[in-house]
Amino acid sequence: MPRGRSTFTKRQKEQTRQQKQREKAERRTQRKQEKPIESNVDEMAELREHAAAQAALFNIGVEDEEPNADQNESER
């Protein structure tokens, strides 16, 4: 059965639309893959610095608080 001109143009339009959709999805996934890599490096360095600062504060705080904790228990 021969197809008319309108059917051919509709099919062409649909194929180009689907192709654009695939390209857009591919670009989106590529951006998602690139973005976390850059931010993970920065976040990891920041987290390490923060963890080191917290550890330093925690270690200082533990030494200062231990004698007070014993006093508080004996007062009860």
Foldseek 3Di string as FASTA:
>chain_A
DDDDPVVVVVVVVVVVVVVVVVVVVVVVVVCVVVVCVVVVVVVVVVVVVVVVVVVVVVVVVCVVCVVVVVVVVVVD
